[in-house]
Amino acid sequence: MRAGALSTNHENEKAIFGGDRQQTYRSLGVISVEGRCPGQDRRYWRPEDIFEEPCPHCGGMIEFWKDDVTLRCPHCRQQVTNPRFDPGCAAWCSYAHKCLGEAALTYQRQPRVLRDKLEVEARKNYLGNKQLLNMALKSAAWAEKLAREEGVEPLVAVAACLFYDLAEGGGPDAASRARQIMAGVPGLEQEVIEEVAAVISAGEKDPGLLAWRVVQDARRLAHLGEETPERPAFYTAAAGKPAGEAAGRPE
């Protein structure tokens, strides 16, 4: 490993950017006006952020910096992925594409990342209405479980539950608001957005979509024991499981 690699890099960057790296990064859109990306600012790096790993092809040692996604082995010239690269920031950072290019979308499109982002949006939009938020979260948890058993895309069912009550009883107004919110979520495909909007837009009238039936059953399970002591009728077989399971929140 190079001795003094961090300090050497500082000198190189100073030469390239003329001593004002922050302004240059801003002009490139890499950082916001408020400050630089901590992951890119090597002033805050530690010695272990530059490390060596053996090439999986030839065994030669390759020096990685922690923000390297891939490097070409200097010995065999094969492309090698950084085994310690952490995609956590790429999944959420709005500037990730500036650092990683198309690779950023790979992380941003992960189902769990998208689900978490949708939940964040739901929490923002139900701020001040704890009852609607609780309903959205409980029904979304049931929807994810039912969707997997019924062969429905879980993300569609979850999103529809999270945004169903943006207008009372769902319907076109709720669907329109949901579409606007989802359009601002990086990595969420347009096909998913349209499927979610179709489910919500139908309101309580069955449009013949299995995803709609999963969402309705998820909402009924979320309400179970709150509004009526009687067990409601369900559209899907997955929702008709033993009452003991339906009375609690799924794991």
C-alpha atoms as a PDB file:
ATOM      1  CA  MET A   1       0.000   0.000   0.000  1.00  0.00           C
ATOM      2  CA  ARG A   2       1.249   3.473  -0.789  1.00  0.00           C
ATOM      3  CA  ALA A   3       2.772   5.322   2.157  1.00  0.00           C
ATOM      4  CA  GLY A   4       0.976   8.571   2.916  1.00  0.00           C
ATOM      5  CA  ALA A   5      -1.720   7.837   0.334  1.00  0.00           C
ATOM      6  CA  LEU A   6      -4.260  10.129   1.973  1.00  0.00           C
ATOM      7  CA  SER A   7      -1.990  13.188   2.096  1.00  0.00           C
ATOM      8  CA  THR A   8      -0.755  12.498  -1.447  1.00  0.00           C
ATOM      9  CA  ASN A   9      -4.316  12.414  -2.670  1.00  0.00           C
ATOM     10  CA  HIS A  10      -5.005  15.784  -1.062  1.00  0.00           C
ATOM     11  CA  GLU A  11      -2.143  17.319  -3.007  1.00  0.00           C
ATOM     12  CA  ASN A  12      -3.381  15.753  -6.250  1.00  0.00           C
ATOM     13  CA  GLU A  13      -6.901  17.071  -5.744  1.00  0.00           C
ATOM     14  CA  LYS A  14      -5.572  20.516  -4.894  1.00  0.00           C
ATOM     15  CA  ALA A  15      -3.645  20.564  -8.174  1.00  0.00           C
ATOM     16  CA  ILE A  16      -6.641  19.372 -10.182  1.00  0.00           C
ATOM     17  CA  PHE A  17      -9.234  21.656  -8.616  1.00  0.00           C
ATOM     18  CA  GLY A  18      -7.056  24.701  -8.102  1.00  0.00           C
ATOM     19  CA  GLY A  19      -7.371  24.636  -4.341  1.00  0.00           C
ATOM     20  CA  ASP A  20     -11.168  25.038  -4.241  1.00  0.00           C
ATOM     21  CA  ARG A  21     -12.489  21.498  -4.385  1.00  0.00           C
ATOM     22  CA  GLN A  22     -15.807  22.317  -2.700  1.00  0.00           C
ATOM     23  CA  GLN A  23     -16.818  24.891  -5.319  1.00  0.00           C
ATOM     24  CA  THR A  24     -15.811  22.494  -8.102  1.00  0.00           C
ATOM     25  CA  TYR A  25     -17.810  19.650  -6.583  1.00  0.00           C
ATOM     26  CA  ARG A  26     -20.832  21.959  -6.324  1.00  0.00           C
ATOM     27  CA  SER A  27     -20.540  22.956  -9.966  1.00  0.00           C
ATOM     28  CA  LEU A  28     -20.548  19.278 -10.899  1.00  0.00           C
ATOM     29  CA  GLY A  29     -23.617  18.678  -8.780  1.00  0.00           C
ATOM     30  CA  VAL A  30     -21.815  16.205  -6.530  1.00  0.00           C
ATOM     31  CA  ILE A  31     -22.610  18.043  -3.308  1.00  0.00           C
ATOM     32  CA  SER A  32     -25.241  20.449  -2.141  1.00  0.00           C
ATOM     33  CA  VAL A  33     -24.628  24.036  -1.136  1.00  0.00           C
ATOM     34  CA  GLU A  34     -24.899  23.000   2.513  1.00  0.00           C
ATOM     35  CA  GLY A  35     -21.797  20.784   2.393  1.00  0.00           C
ATOM     36  CA  ARG A  36     -19.892  17.993   0.752  1.00  0.00           C
ATOM     37  CA  CYS A  37     -20.717  14.301   0.815  1.00  0.00           C
ATOM     38  CA  PRO A  38     -18.857  12.924   3.882  1.00  0.00           C
ATOM     39  CA  GLY A  39     -18.034   9.735   1.975  1.00  0.00           C
ATOM     40  CA  GLN A  40     -16.198  11.713  -0.708  1.00  0.00           C
ATOM     41  CA  ASP A  41     -14.398  14.093   1.617  1.00  0.00           C
ATOM     42  CA  ARG A  42     -11.167  12.254   2.220  1.00  0.00           C
ATOM     43  CA  ARG A  43     -10.167  14.592   5.031  1.00  0.00           C
ATOM     44  CA  TYR A  44     -12.361  12.400   7.227  1.00  0.00           C
ATOM     45  CA  TRP A  45     -11.065   9.063   5.989  1.00  0.00           C
ATOM     46  CA  ARG A  46      -9.187   6.673   8.241  1.00  0.00           C
ATOM     47  CA  PRO A  47      -6.077   4.642   7.313  1.00  0.00           C
ATOM     48  CA  GLU A  48      -8.191   1.494   6.953  1.00  0.00           C
ATOM     49  CA  ASP A  49     -10.269   3.188   4.234  1.00  0.00           C
ATOM     50  CA  ILE A  50      -7.434   2.341   1.822  1.00  0.00           C
ATOM     51  CA  PHE A  51      -6.705  -1.366   1.765  1.00  0.00           C
ATOM     52  CA  GLU A  52      -5.402  -4.259  -0.314  1.00  0.00           C
ATOM     53  CA  GLU A  53      -7.337  -7.336  -1.444  1.00  0.00           C
ATOM     54  CA  PRO A  54      -6.177 -10.312  -3.537  1.00  0.00           C
ATOM     55  CA  CYS A  55      -7.466 -10.524  -7.109  1.00  0.00           C
ATOM     56  CA  PRO A  56      -9.938 -13.428  -7.389  1.00  0.00           C
ATOM     57  CA  HIS A  57      -8.550 -14.195 -10.858  1.00  0.00           C
ATOM     58  CA  CYS A  58      -4.772 -14.217 -10.398  1.00  0.00           C
ATOM     59  CA  GLY A  59      -4.162 -13.708  -6.678  1.00  0.00           C
ATOM     60  CA  GLY A  60      -2.182 -10.491  -7.127  1.00  0.00           C
ATOM     61  CA  MET A  61      -2.812  -7.717  -4.611  1.00  0.00           C
ATOM     62  CA  ILE A  62      -5.037  -4.778  -5.617  1.00  0.00           C
ATOM     63  CA  GLU A  63      -5.139  -1.496  -3.718  1.00  0.00           C
ATOM     64  CA  PHE A  64      -8.745  -0.319  -3.187  1.00  0.00           C
ATOM     65  CA  TRP A  65     -10.019   2.961  -1.821  1.00  0.00           C
ATOM     66  CA  LYS A  66     -13.293   2.558   0.019  1.00  0.00           C
ATOM     67  CA  ASP A  67     -15.303   4.454  -2.610  1.00  0.00           C
ATOM     68  CA  ASP A  68     -13.994   2.332  -5.492  1.00  0.00           C
ATOM     69  CA  VAL A  69     -16.774   0.170  -6.916  1.00  0.00           C
ATOM     70  CA  THR A  70     -14.589  -1.768  -9.354  1.00  0.00           C
ATOM     71  CA  LEU A  71     -10.928  -1.648 -10.405  1.00  0.00           C
ATOM     72  CA  ARG A  72      -8.888  -3.357 -13.093  1.00  0.00           C
ATOM     73  CA  CYS A  73      -6.291  -5.701 -11.623  1.00  0.00           C
ATOM     74  CA  PRO A  74      -2.815  -4.322 -12.450  1.00  0.00           C
ATOM     75  CA  HIS A  75      -1.507  -7.872 -12.847  1.00  0.00           C
ATOM     76  CA  CYS A  76      -4.056  -9.751 -14.986  1.00  0.00           C
ATOM     77  CA  ARG A  77      -6.128  -6.743 -16.200  1.00  0.00           C
ATOM     78  CA  GLN A  78      -9.411  -8.342 -15.124  1.00  0.00           C
ATOM     79  CA  GLN A  79     -12.170  -6.120 -13.706  1.00  0.00           C
ATOM     80  CA  VAL A  80     -12.581  -6.750  -9.973  1.00  0.00           C
ATOM     81  CA  THR A  81     -15.376  -5.585  -7.652  1.00  0.00           C
ATOM     82  CA  ASN A  82     -14.417  -3.920  -4.378  1.00  0.00           C
ATOM     83  CA  PRO A  83     -15.351  -6.559  -1.750  1.00  0.00           C
ATOM     84  CA  ARG A  84     -15.731  -3.918   0.968  1.00  0.00           C
ATOM     85  CA  PHE A  85     -17.801  -1.396  -0.937  1.00  0.00           C
ATOM     86  CA  ASP A  86     -20.789  -0.341   1.180  1.00  0.00           C
ATOM     87  CA  PRO A  87     -23.852   0.515  -0.938  1.00  0.00           C
ATOM     88  CA  GLY A  88     -25.741   2.017   2.011  1.00  0.00           C
ATOM     89  CA  CYS A  89     -25.257   5.640   0.977  1.00  0.00           C
ATOM     90  CA  ALA A  90     -25.882   4.806  -2.694  1.00  0.00           C
ATOM     91  CA  ALA A  91     -29.320   3.476  -1.811  1.00  0.00           C
ATOM     92  CA  TRP A  92     -30.451   6.787  -0.328  1.00  0.00           C
ATOM     93  CA  CYS A  93     -28.225   9.618  -1.501  1.00  0.00           C
ATOM     94  CA  SER A  94     -29.753  11.797  -4.224  1.00  0.00           C
ATOM     95  CA  TYR A  95     -26.247  12.411  -5.610  1.00  0.00           C
ATOM     96  CA  ALA A  96     -25.301   8.731  -5.809  1.00  0.00           C
ATOM     97  CA  HIS A  97     -25.450   8.707  -9.600  1.00  0.00           C
ATOM     98  CA  LYS A  98     -22.696  11.359  -9.636  1.00  0.00           C
ATOM     99  CA  CYS A  99     -20.402   9.002  -7.758  1.00  0.00           C
ATOM    100  CA  LEU A 100     -21.437   5.623  -9.147  1.00  0.00           C
ATOM    101  CA  GLY A 101     -23.236   6.282 -12.424  1.00  0.00           C
ATOM    102  CA  GLU A 102     -25.688   3.569 -13.446  1.00  0.00           C
ATOM    103  CA  ALA A 103     -24.469   1.359 -10.600  1.00  0.00           C
ATOM    104  CA  ALA A 104     -26.350   3.622  -8.166  1.00  0.00           C
ATOM    105  CA  LEU A 105     -29.678   2.515  -9.647  1.00  0.00           C
ATOM    106  CA  THR A 106     -28.839  -1.099  -8.856  1.00  0.00           C
ATOM    107  CA  TYR A 107     -28.827  -0.276  -5.173  1.00  0.00           C
ATOM    108  CA  GLN A 108     -31.730   2.170  -5.320  1.00  0.00           C
ATOM    109  CA  ARG A 109     -33.959  -0.418  -6.991  1.00  0.00           C
ATOM    110  CA  GLN A 110     -33.572  -3.009  -4.276  1.00  0.00           C
ATOM    111  CA  PRO A 111     -37.111  -3.917  -3.056  1.00  0.00           C
ATOM    112  CA  ARG A 112     -36.309  -3.367   0.622  1.00  0.00           C
ATOM    113  CA  VAL A 113     -34.773   0.042  -0.104  1.00  0.00           C
ATOM    114  CA  LEU A 114     -37.803   1.070  -2.153  1.00  0.00           C
ATOM    115  CA  ARG A 115     -40.180  -0.169   0.530  1.00  0.00           C
ATOM    116  CA  ASP A 116     -38.375   1.867   3.171  1.00  0.00           C
ATOM    117  CA  LYS A 117     -38.461   4.970   0.984  1.00  0.00           C
ATOM    118  CA  LEU A 118     -42.194   4.550   0.384  1.00  0.00           C
ATOM    119  CA  GLU A 119     -42.775   4.210   4.126  1.00  0.00           C
ATOM    120  CA  VAL A 120     -40.832   7.417   4.736  1.00  0.00           C
ATOM    121  CA  GLU A 121     -43.091   9.203   2.232  1.00  0.00           C
ATOM    122  CA  ALA A 122     -46.182   7.795   3.920  1.00  0.00           C
ATOM    123  CA  ARG A 123     -45.000   9.006   7.317  1.00  0.00           C
ATOM    124  CA  LYS A 124     -44.465  12.494   5.892  1.00  0.00           C
ATOM    125  CA  ASN A 125     -47.894  12.621   4.281  1.00  0.00           C
ATOM    126  CA  TYR A 126     -49.777  11.300   7.314  1.00  0.00           C
ATOM    127  CA  LEU A 127     -47.919  13.586   9.689  1.00  0.00           C
ATOM    128  CA  GLY A 128     -50.340  14.668  12.384  1.00  0.00           C
ATOM    129  CA  ASN A 129     -52.796  11.836  11.700  1.00  0.00           C
ATOM    130  CA  LYS A 130     -51.610   8.929  13.800  1.00  0.00           C
ATOM    131  CA  GLN A 131     -54.705   6.847  13.107  1.00  0.00           C
ATOM    132  CA  LEU A 132     -54.243   6.900   9.327  1.00  0.00           C
ATOM    133  CA  LEU A 133     -50.520   6.278   9.655  1.00  0.00           C
ATOM    134  CA  ASN A 134     -51.051   3.258  11.893  1.00  0.00           C
ATOM    135  CA  MET A 135     -53.615   1.891   9.456  1.00  0.00           C
ATOM    136  CA  ALA A 136     -51.247   2.380   6.535  1.00  0.00           C
ATOM    137  CA  LEU A 137     -48.349   0.641   8.288  1.00  0.00           C
ATOM    138  CA  LYS A 138     -50.414  -2.265   9.608  1.00  0.00           C
ATOM    139  CA  SER A 139     -52.130  -2.903   6.297  1.00  0.00           C
ATOM    140  CA  ALA A 140     -48.813  -2.611   4.429  1.00  0.00           C
ATOM    141  CA  ALA A 141     -47.299  -5.285   6.698  1.00  0.00           C
ATOM    142  CA  TRP A 142     -50.219  -7.605   5.963  1.00  0.00           C
ATOM    143  CA  ALA A 143     -50.114  -6.755   2.250  1.00  0.00           C
ATOM    144  CA  GLU A 144     -46.477  -7.792   1.970  1.00  0.00           C
ATOM    145  CA  LYS A 145     -47.259 -11.159   3.546  1.00  0.00           C
ATOM    146  CA  LEU A 146     -50.409 -11.816   1.502  1.00  0.00           C
ATOM    147  CA  ALA A 147     -48.846 -10.676  -1.767  1.00  0.00           C
ATOM    148  CA  ARG A 148     -46.063 -13.238  -1.498  1.00  0.00           C
ATOM    149  CA  GLU A 149     -48.579 -16.035  -0.901  1.00  0.00           C
ATOM    150  CA  GLU A 150     -50.902 -14.905  -3.692  1.00  0.00           C
ATOM    151  CA  GLY A 151     -48.213 -14.265  -6.313  1.00  0.00           C
ATOM    152  CA  VAL A 152     -48.655 -10.481  -6.410  1.00  0.00           C
ATOM    153  CA  GLU A 153     -45.719  -8.061  -6.635  1.00  0.00           C
ATOM    154  CA  PRO A 154     -45.236  -7.159  -2.926  1.00  0.00           C
ATOM    155  CA  LEU A 155     -44.086  -3.619  -3.681  1.00  0.00           C
ATOM    156  CA  VAL A 156     -47.345  -2.845  -5.500  1.00  0.00           C
ATOM    157  CA  ALA A 157     -49.503  -4.102  -2.648  1.00  0.00           C
ATOM    158  CA  VAL A 158     -47.395  -2.383   0.013  1.00  0.00           C
ATOM    159  CA  ALA A 159     -47.380   0.974  -1.775  1.00  0.00           C
ATOM    160  CA  ALA A 160     -51.121   0.826  -2.410  1.00  0.00           C
ATOM    161  CA  CYS A 161     -51.747   0.251   1.298  1.00  0.00           C
ATOM    162  CA  LEU A 162     -49.389   3.023   2.337  1.00  0.00           C
ATOM    163  CA  PHE A 163     -51.086   5.634   0.121  1.00  0.00           C
ATOM    164  CA  TYR A 164     -54.663   4.346  -0.001  1.00  0.00           C
ATOM    165  CA  ASP A 165     -55.969   6.826   2.564  1.00  0.00           C
ATOM    166  CA  LEU A 166     -54.465   9.947   1.021  1.00  0.00           C
ATOM    167  CA  ALA A 167     -58.122  10.565   0.197  1.00  0.00           C
ATOM    168  CA  GLU A 168     -60.981   8.913   2.063  1.00  0.00           C
ATOM    169  CA  GLY A 169     -61.809   5.499   0.648  1.00  0.00           C
ATOM    170  CA  GLY A 170     -59.077   5.626  -1.954  1.00  0.00           C
ATOM    171  CA  GLY A 171     -60.302   6.616  -5.415  1.00  0.00           C
ATOM    172  CA  PRO A 172     -58.902   8.840  -8.193  1.00  0.00           C
ATOM    173  CA  ASP A 173     -57.857  11.717  -5.915  1.00  0.00           C
ATOM    174  CA  ALA A 174     -55.809   9.426  -3.677  1.00  0.00           C
ATOM    175  CA  ALA A 175     -54.341   7.725  -6.752  1.00  0.00           C
ATOM    176  CA  SER A 176     -53.312  11.070  -8.240  1.00  0.00           C
ATOM    177  CA  ARG A 177     -51.533  12.138  -5.059  1.00  0.00           C
ATOM    178  CA  ALA A 178     -49.891   8.733  -4.724  1.00  0.00           C
ATOM    179  CA  ARG A 179     -48.621   8.916  -8.298  1.00  0.00           C
ATOM    180  CA  GLN A 180     -47.041  12.309  -7.636  1.00  0.00           C
ATOM    181  CA  ILE A 181     -45.346  11.063  -4.477  1.00  0.00           C
ATOM    182  CA  MET A 182     -44.036   7.868  -6.069  1.00  0.00           C
ATOM    183  CA  ALA A 183     -42.695   9.762  -9.084  1.00  0.00           C
ATOM    184  CA  GLY A 184     -40.218  11.391  -6.695  1.00  0.00           C
ATOM    185  CA  VAL A 185     -38.831   8.075  -5.411  1.00  0.00           C
ATOM    186  CA  PRO A 186     -35.576   7.230  -7.263  1.00  0.00           C
ATOM    187  CA  GLY A 187     -35.475   3.709  -8.665  1.00  0.00           C
ATOM    188  CA  LEU A 188     -39.233   3.102  -8.584  1.00  0.00           C
ATOM    189  CA  GLU A 189     -40.310   1.876 -12.011  1.00  0.00           C
ATOM    190  CA  GLN A 190     -43.161   3.554 -13.851  1.00  0.00           C
ATOM    191  CA  GLU A 191     -44.935   0.213 -14.273  1.00  0.00           C
ATOM    192  CA  VAL A 192     -45.113  -0.200 -10.499  1.00  0.00           C
ATOM    193  CA  ILE A 193     -46.391   3.361 -10.085  1.00  0.00           C
ATOM    194  CA  GLU A 194     -49.200   2.778 -12.583  1.00  0.00           C
ATOM    195  CA  GLU A 195     -50.209  -0.538 -10.999  1.00  0.00           C
ATOM    196  CA  VAL A 196     -50.381   1.079  -7.579  1.00  0.00           C
ATOM    197  CA  ALA A 197     -52.419   3.975  -8.963  1.00  0.00           C
ATOM    198  CA  ALA A 198     -54.865   1.535 -10.608  1.00  0.00           C
ATOM    199  CA  VAL A 199     -55.416  -0.302  -7.332  1.00  0.00           C
ATOM    200  CA  ILE A 200     -55.995   2.889  -5.341  1.00  0.00           C
ATOM    201  CA  SER A 201     -58.103   4.547  -8.034  1.00  0.00           C
ATOM    202  CA  ALA A 202     -60.605   1.680  -7.959  1.00  0.00           C
ATOM    203  CA  GLY A 203     -61.510   2.549  -4.391  1.00  0.00           C
ATOM    204  CA  GLU A 204     -63.824  -0.103  -2.982  1.00  0.00           C
ATOM    205  CA  LYS A 205     -65.059  -1.332  -6.381  1.00  0.00           C
ATOM    206  CA  ASP A 206     -63.325  -4.534  -7.531  1.00  0.00           C
ATOM    207  CA  PRO A 207     -61.539  -3.825 -10.843  1.00  0.00           C
ATOM    208  CA  GLY A 208     -60.671  -7.475 -11.315  1.00  0.00           C
ATOM    209  CA  LEU A 209     -57.070  -7.058 -10.130  1.00  0.00           C
ATOM    210  CA  LEU A 210     -55.580  -9.596  -7.741  1.00  0.00           C
ATOM    211  CA  ALA A 211     -53.419  -6.831  -6.272  1.00  0.00           C
ATOM    212  CA  TRP A 212     -56.589  -4.889  -5.393  1.00  0.00           C
ATOM    213  CA  ARG A 213     -58.009  -7.930  -3.592  1.00  0.00           C
ATOM    214  CA  VAL A 214     -54.788  -8.391  -1.642  1.00  0.00           C
ATOM    215  CA  VAL A 215     -54.883  -4.740  -0.601  1.00  0.00           C
ATOM    216  CA  GLN A 216     -58.522  -4.936   0.487  1.00  0.00           C
ATOM    217  CA  ASP A 217     -57.829  -8.078   2.524  1.00  0.00           C
ATOM    218  CA  ALA A 218     -54.757  -6.471   4.086  1.00  0.00           C
ATOM    219  CA  ARG A 219     -56.849  -3.482   5.142  1.00  0.00           C
ATOM    220  CA  ARG A 220     -59.516  -5.743   6.610  1.00  0.00           C
ATOM    221  CA  LEU A 221     -56.921  -7.696   8.553  1.00  0.00           C
ATOM    222  CA  ALA A 222     -55.464  -4.437   9.847  1.00  0.00           C
ATOM    223  CA  HIS A 223     -58.924  -3.433  11.062  1.00  0.00           C
ATOM    224  CA  LEU A 224     -59.707  -6.846  12.533  1.00  0.00           C
ATOM    225  CA  GLY A 225     -60.742  -6.498  16.158  1.00  0.00           C
ATOM    226  CA  GLU A 226     -60.863  -2.688  15.991  1.00  0.00           C
ATOM    227  CA  GLU A 227     -64.204  -1.940  14.350  1.00  0.00           C
ATOM    228  CA  THR A 228     -66.182  -5.165  14.629  1.00  0.00           C
ATOM    229  CA  PRO A 229     -65.872  -8.338  16.663  1.00  0.00           C
ATOM    230  CA  GLU A 230     -67.001 -10.401  13.657  1.00  0.00           C
ATOM    231  CA  ARG A 231     -64.525 -11.899  11.224  1.00  0.00           C
ATOM    232  CA  PRO A 232     -65.004 -10.246   7.800  1.00  0.00           C
ATOM    233  CA  ALA A 233     -65.173 -12.059   4.482  1.00  0.00           C
ATOM    234  CA  PHE A 234     -61.956 -12.132   2.486  1.00  0.00           C
ATOM    235  CA  TYR A 235     -61.171 -12.138  -1.209  1.00  0.00           C
ATOM    236  CA  THR A 236     -58.020 -14.258  -1.062  1.00  0.00           C
ATOM    237  CA  ALA A 237     -57.253 -17.675   0.365  1.00  0.00           C
ATOM    238  CA  ALA A 238     -54.134 -16.348   2.074  1.00  0.00           C
ATOM    239  CA  ALA A 239     -56.211 -13.936   4.148  1.00  0.00           C
ATOM    240  CA  GLY A 240     -58.530 -16.716   5.295  1.00  0.00           C
ATOM    241  CA  LYS A 241     -55.901 -18.371   7.477  1.00  0.00           C
ATOM    242  CA  PRO A 242     -56.636 -19.227  11.124  1.00  0.00           C
ATOM    243  CA  ALA A 243     -58.215 -16.428  13.160  1.00  0.00           C
ATOM    244  CA  GLY A 244     -55.413 -16.515  15.680  1.00  0.00           C
ATOM    245  CA  GLU A 245     -52.913 -15.421  13.036  1.00  0.00           C
ATOM    246  CA  ALA A 246     -55.234 -12.822  11.548  1.00  0.00           C
ATOM    247  CA  ALA A 247     -55.816 -11.193  14.927  1.00  0.00           C
ATOM    248  CA  GLY A 248     -52.203 -10.129  15.318  1.00  0.00           C
ATOM    249  CA  ARG A 249     -49.652  -8.319  13.232  1.00  0.00           C
ATOM    250  CA  PRO A 250     -47.613 -10.537  10.896  1.00  0.00           C
ATOM    251  CA  GLU A 251     -43.939 -11.007  11.557  1.00  0.00           C
END
